[in-house]
Amino acid sequence: MTCQYSSQDKKQMEIAAKAKNPSRLQELIDFIKISGFNKIGIANCSSMQVYADKLISILQKEGFDIYSINCKESGLQGEEISTEMSGPSCDPISQAEFLNSRQTEFNINLGLCLGHGLLFSKYSKAPVTTIVVKDPSTSHNFIANLL
């Protein structure tokens, strides 16, 4: 098997190995620090705002510049997407555009719905990681579905 990793990919893998930690939150903080990132974006579901606020506070205490936006801040109406939708709509493309305009270096998906997270990642110029998977049926503990 031939290794297809670019030098940039290999560097990211090395940083991930250095940041490895049993706590995903501490691993995230260490990864950001080792990578030399300072401008961090958070795209979150509006229903996860309390968790986003807590993460913002933690990352700010670590000295990072944080930019955040929840999924409904743009004011997009569902009717603009589909005749089957109405009322305020999630807007993951606007979330990506907002963070792109702030020139974030690393973005965090905190609880975006599956399809919304895919679109956010697609349009984000910065690398994206997911820190919370929204799953109300298990109090956001997705692994419980696999037990």
C-alpha atoms as a PDB file:
ATOM      1  CA  MET A   1       0.000   0.000   0.000  1.00  0.00           C
ATOM      2  CA  THR A   2       1.445   3.353  -1.042  1.00  0.00           C
ATOM      3  CA  CYS A   3       1.149   6.297   1.321  1.00  0.00           C
ATOM      4  CA  GLN A   4      -0.763   9.122  -0.375  1.00  0.00           C
ATOM      5  CA  TYR A   5      -0.304  11.692   2.398  1.00  0.00           C
ATOM      6  CA  SER A   6       1.027  15.100   1.397  1.00  0.00           C
ATOM      7  CA  SER A   7       3.632  16.761   3.589  1.00  0.00           C
ATOM      8  CA  GLN A   8       0.856  18.982   5.009  1.00  0.00           C
ATOM      9  CA  ASP A   9      -1.264  15.888   5.769  1.00  0.00           C
ATOM     10  CA  LYS A  10       1.680  14.247   7.522  1.00  0.00           C
ATOM     11  CA  LYS A  11       2.274  17.380   9.601  1.00  0.00           C
ATOM     12  CA  GLN A  12      -1.377  17.369  10.688  1.00  0.00           C
ATOM     13  CA  MET A  13      -1.113  13.690  11.655  1.00  0.00           C
ATOM     14  CA  GLU A  14       2.026  14.430  13.710  1.00  0.00           C
ATOM     15  CA  ILE A  15       0.278  17.286  15.508  1.00  0.00           C
ATOM     16  CA  ALA A  16      -2.720  15.056  16.229  1.00  0.00           C
ATOM     17  CA  ALA A  17      -0.411  12.428  17.738  1.00  0.00           C
ATOM     18  CA  LYS A  18       1.239  15.061  19.960  1.00  0.00           C
ATOM     19  CA  ALA A  19      -2.147  16.399  21.091  1.00  0.00           C
ATOM     20  CA  LYS A  20      -3.641  12.972  21.885  1.00  0.00           C
ATOM     21  CA  ASN A  21      -5.384  13.054  25.252  1.00  0.00           C
ATOM     22  CA  PRO A  22      -8.146  11.031  26.958  1.00  0.00           C
ATOM     23  CA  SER A  23     -10.156  14.272  27.192  1.00  0.00           C
ATOM     24  CA  ARG A  24     -11.420  15.316  23.775  1.00  0.00           C
ATOM     25  CA  LEU A  25     -11.676  18.913  24.978  1.00  0.00           C
ATOM     26  CA  GLN A  26      -8.049  18.978  26.128  1.00  0.00           C
ATOM     27  CA  GLU A  27      -6.990  17.236  22.916  1.00  0.00           C
ATOM     28  CA  LEU A  28      -8.781  19.962  20.938  1.00  0.00           C
ATOM     29  CA  ILE A  29      -7.065  22.726  22.938  1.00  0.00           C
ATOM     30  CA  ASP A  30      -3.642  21.098  22.578  1.00  0.00           C
ATOM     31  CA  PHE A  31      -4.160  20.506  18.843  1.00  0.00           C
ATOM     32  CA  ILE A  32      -5.077  24.160  18.296  1.00  0.00           C
ATOM     33  CA  LYS A  33      -2.064  25.347  20.318  1.00  0.00           C
ATOM     34  CA  ILE A  34       0.460  23.017  18.670  1.00  0.00           C
ATOM     35  CA  SER A  35      -0.905  23.973  15.251  1.00  0.00           C
ATOM     36  CA  GLY A  36      -0.302  27.629  16.032  1.00  0.00           C
ATOM     37  CA  PHE A  37      -3.921  28.591  15.384  1.00  0.00           C
ATOM     38  CA  ASN A  38      -5.327  31.621  17.194  1.00  0.00           C
ATOM     39  CA  LYS A  39      -8.529  32.628  15.337  1.00  0.00           C
ATOM     40  CA  ILE A  40     -11.053  29.897  16.104  1.00  0.00           C
ATOM     41  CA  GLY A  41     -14.577  29.681  14.711  1.00  0.00           C
ATOM     42  CA  ILE A  42     -17.530  27.923  16.294  1.00  0.00           C
ATOM     43  CA  ALA A  43     -20.612  27.057  14.225  1.00  0.00           C
ATOM     44  CA  ASN A  44     -23.360  25.721  16.429  1.00  0.00           C
ATOM     45  CA  CYS A  45     -26.975  24.707  16.354  1.00  0.00           C
ATOM     46  CA  SER A  46     -29.134  27.319  18.087  1.00  0.00           C
ATOM     47  CA  SER A  47     -30.457  24.574  20.401  1.00  0.00           C
ATOM     48  CA  MET A  48     -26.863  23.967  21.572  1.00  0.00           C
ATOM     49  CA  GLN A  49     -26.132  27.619  22.443  1.00  0.00           C
ATOM     50  CA  VAL A  50     -25.529  26.917  26.143  1.00  0.00           C
ATOM     51  CA  TYR A  51     -22.767  24.444  25.219  1.00  0.00           C
ATOM     52  CA  ALA A  52     -21.309  26.805  22.636  1.00  0.00           C
ATOM     53  CA  ASP A  53     -21.163  29.590  25.224  1.00  0.00           C
ATOM     54  CA  LYS A  54     -19.306  27.308  27.632  1.00  0.00           C
ATOM     55  CA  LEU A  55     -16.820  26.272  24.931  1.00  0.00           C
ATOM     56  CA  ILE A  56     -16.305  29.919  23.953  1.00  0.00           C
ATOM     57  CA  SER A  57     -15.507  30.769  27.573  1.00  0.00           C
ATOM     58  CA  ILE A  58     -13.038  27.881  27.923  1.00  0.00           C
ATOM     59  CA  LEU A  59     -11.239  28.699  24.675  1.00  0.00           C
ATOM     60  CA  GLN A  60     -11.071  32.410  25.473  1.00  0.00           C
ATOM     61  CA  LYS A  61      -9.468  31.562  28.847  1.00  0.00           C
ATOM     62  CA  GLU A  62      -6.860  29.618  26.842  1.00  0.00           C
ATOM     63  CA  GLY A  63      -6.079  32.849  24.985  1.00  0.00           C
ATOM     64  CA  PHE A  64      -7.728  32.160  21.627  1.00  0.00           C
ATOM     65  CA  ASP A  65      -9.691  34.713  19.594  1.00  0.00           C
ATOM     66  CA  ILE A  66     -13.140  33.181  19.183  1.00  0.00           C
ATOM     67  CA  TYR A  67     -15.754  33.928  16.528  1.00  0.00           C
ATOM     68  CA  SER A  68     -19.070  32.142  16.798  1.00  0.00           C
ATOM     69  CA  ILE A  69     -22.379  31.992  14.999  1.00  0.00           C
ATOM     70  CA  ASN A  70     -25.452  29.894  15.563  1.00  0.00           C
ATOM     71  CA  CYS A  71     -27.381  28.325  12.729  1.00  0.00           C
ATOM     72  CA  LYS A  72     -30.299  30.764  12.681  1.00  0.00           C
ATOM     73  CA  GLU A  73     -28.495  34.100  13.042  1.00  0.00           C
ATOM     74  CA  SER A  74     -28.656  34.928   9.333  1.00  0.00           C
ATOM     75  CA  GLY A  75     -32.444  35.281   9.323  1.00  0.00           C
ATOM     76  CA  LEU A  76     -32.860  32.818   6.445  1.00  0.00           C
ATOM     77  CA  GLN A  77     -36.468  31.720   6.054  1.00  0.00           C
ATOM     78  CA  GLY A  78     -37.314  28.137   5.169  1.00  0.00           C
ATOM     79  CA  GLU A  79     -39.387  29.270   2.192  1.00  0.00           C
ATOM     80  CA  GLU A  80     -36.166  30.481   0.548  1.00  0.00           C
ATOM     81  CA  ILE A  81     -34.890  26.881   0.554  1.00  0.00           C
ATOM     82  CA  SER A  82     -37.994  24.846  -0.194  1.00  0.00           C
ATOM     83  CA  THR A  83     -41.765  25.184  -0.497  1.00  0.00           C
ATOM     84  CA  GLU A  84     -41.945  22.398   2.108  1.00  0.00           C
ATOM     85  CA  MET A  85     -40.196  24.553   4.719  1.00  0.00           C
ATOM     86  CA  SER A  86     -41.395  27.606   6.651  1.00  0.00           C
ATOM     87  CA  GLY A  87     -40.183  29.884   9.397  1.00  0.00           C
ATOM     88  CA  PRO A  88     -36.612  30.526  10.516  1.00  0.00           C
ATOM     89  CA  SER A  89     -34.198  28.109   8.890  1.00  0.00           C
ATOM     90  CA  CYS A  90     -30.751  26.873   9.740  1.00  0.00           C
ATOM     91  CA  ASP A  91     -28.159  28.415   7.429  1.00  0.00           C
ATOM     92  CA  PRO A  92     -24.870  26.500   7.474  1.00  0.00           C
ATOM     93  CA  ILE A  93     -23.538  28.229   4.353  1.00  0.00           C
ATOM     94  CA  SER A  94     -23.936  31.621   6.030  1.00  0.00           C
ATOM     95  CA  GLN A  95     -22.190  30.237   9.094  1.00  0.00           C
ATOM     96  CA  ALA A  96     -19.216  29.242   6.931  1.00  0.00           C
ATOM     97  CA  GLU A  97     -19.246  32.573   5.094  1.00  0.00           C
ATOM     98  CA  PHE A  98     -19.308  34.485   8.407  1.00  0.00           C
ATOM     99  CA  LEU A  99     -16.313  32.568   9.766  1.00  0.00           C
ATOM    100  CA  ASN A 100     -14.518  32.795   6.404  1.00  0.00           C
ATOM    101  CA  SER A 101     -14.960  36.588   6.514  1.00  0.00           C
ATOM    102  CA  ARG A 102     -13.321  36.594   9.971  1.00  0.00           C
ATOM    103  CA  GLN A 103     -10.452  34.552   8.475  1.00  0.00           C
ATOM    104  CA  THR A 104     -10.682  31.878  11.142  1.00  0.00           C
ATOM    105  CA  GLU A 105      -7.836  29.380  11.043  1.00  0.00           C
ATOM    106  CA  PHE A 106      -9.714  26.438  12.529  1.00  0.00           C
ATOM    107  CA  ASN A 107     -13.470  25.844  12.888  1.00  0.00           C
ATOM    108  CA  ILE A 108     -15.523  23.745  15.269  1.00  0.00           C
ATOM    109  CA  ASN A 109     -18.909  22.197  14.466  1.00  0.00           C
ATOM    110  CA  LEU A 110     -20.843  22.073  17.714  1.00  0.00           C
ATOM    111  CA  GLY A 111     -24.063  20.134  17.258  1.00  0.00           C
ATOM    112  CA  LEU A 112     -25.046  21.024  13.704  1.00  0.00           C
ATOM    113  CA  CYS A 113     -27.557  18.649  12.146  1.00  0.00           C
ATOM    114  CA  LEU A 114     -26.041  16.047   9.833  1.00  0.00           C
ATOM    115  CA  GLY A 115     -26.759  17.725   6.495  1.00  0.00           C
ATOM    116  CA  HIS A 116     -26.058  21.175   7.882  1.00  0.00           C
ATOM    117  CA  GLY A 117     -22.674  20.042   9.194  1.00  0.00           C
ATOM    118  CA  LEU A 118     -21.829  18.644   5.764  1.00  0.00           C
ATOM    119  CA  LEU A 119     -22.623  21.960   4.085  1.00  0.00           C
ATOM    120  CA  PHE A 120     -20.758  23.928   6.753  1.00  0.00           C
ATOM    121  CA  SER A 121     -17.639  21.790   6.229  1.00  0.00           C
ATOM    122  CA  LYS A 122     -17.954  22.062   2.450  1.00  0.00           C
ATOM    123  CA  TYR A 123     -18.021  25.872   2.482  1.00  0.00           C
ATOM    124  CA  SER A 124     -15.573  26.492   5.339  1.00  0.00           C
ATOM    125  CA  LYS A 125     -12.149  27.643   4.156  1.00  0.00           C
ATOM    126  CA  ALA A 126     -10.575  26.564   7.459  1.00  0.00           C
ATOM    127  CA  PRO A 127     -10.309  22.952   8.600  1.00  0.00           C
ATOM    128  CA  VAL A 128     -13.344  21.763  10.600  1.00  0.00           C
ATOM    129  CA  THR A 129     -13.714  19.308  13.449  1.00  0.00           C
ATOM    130  CA  THR A 130     -16.905  18.188  15.151  1.00  0.00           C
ATOM    131  CA  ILE A 131     -16.887  18.422  18.926  1.00  0.00           C
ATOM    132  CA  VAL A 132     -20.550  17.552  19.640  1.00  0.00           C
ATOM    133  CA  VAL A 133     -22.900  15.372  17.611  1.00  0.00           C
ATOM    134  CA  LYS A 134     -26.485  16.440  18.216  1.00  0.00           C
ATOM    135  CA  ASP A 135     -28.626  13.485  19.301  1.00  0.00           C
ATOM    136  CA  PRO A 136     -31.444  14.527  21.640  1.00  0.00           C
ATOM    137  CA  SER A 137     -32.603  10.924  22.055  1.00  0.00           C
ATOM    138  CA  THR A 138     -29.400  10.091  23.965  1.00  0.00           C
ATOM    139  CA  SER A 139     -28.597  13.475  25.554  1.00  0.00           C
ATOM    140  CA  HIS A 140     -26.045  13.908  22.747  1.00  0.00           C
ATOM    141  CA  ASN A 141     -24.218  10.682  23.630  1.00  0.00           C
ATOM    142  CA  PHE A 142     -24.283   9.140  20.160  1.00  0.00           C
ATOM    143  CA  ILE A 143     -22.281   6.087  21.242  1.00  0.00           C
ATOM    144  CA  ALA A 144     -25.325   4.963  23.265  1.00  0.00           C
ATOM    145  CA  ASN A 145     -27.003   4.135  19.958  1.00  0.00           C
ATOM    146  CA  LEU A 146     -24.295   1.539  19.304  1.00  0.00           C
ATOM    147  CA  LEU A 147     -24.526  -0.268  22.640  1.00  0.00           C
END
